């Protein structure tokens, strides 16, 4: 009986303890899935705003590609950063589900008939030991659900960032084209003005090169 008690005590000590996780662990749990889906690498940026600003400035030194825009969006989104804590809580609960409450050890002094006896007792969380597999399965599902939820939120943000990047690039290209057309129209008008002064332009040519007609070409 004493051997069984000692064995249970050793098992309880091995399984007991406090769950220790960190937001960095939670971010790492999400990072692989997000990187696979979006190519971005999410991580916890911490409270050092100056360090984050320096990192973003470094990314902005080169022309901003679509992937760079997504990476900046993931790092600089305070809402996404906060969701790592949700994964962290679920991860801590999962770790705690694999542990028992610390066993309690008691000593009592008994005296009688001129003799003194010391009674030792160890109280174990047997109910927790029996229900541990069930609790682990439940917390594992909850952790996986939290991980997928956060990864999905980051993925949607990445998709929105890509759309915004495409729209910005398209608008920039349209503006560049409009400026090019306008410059060409002004150059043509200037050339025609010189031809008119020199008497080398017919009435039809002058009409085609008039500003309203050139404006129409620019809008076409």
Foldseek 3Di string as FASTA:
>chain_A
DVVVVVVLLVVQVVQADAQDDDLQVLLVLQQVVLCVQQVAGAGQPDDPPVVLVVVLVVLVPDPQDLRSLLNNLRHVDVVLNVLSVVLVVLVRQLSNLRHFHNKDKDWDWDDDPRDIDIDIDIHGPVVSVVCSVVSNVVSVVVSVVSSVVSSVVSSVSSVVSSVVVVVVVVVVVLVVLLVVLVVVLVVLLVVVVVCVVVVNDDPVRNVCSDVVNSVVVSVD
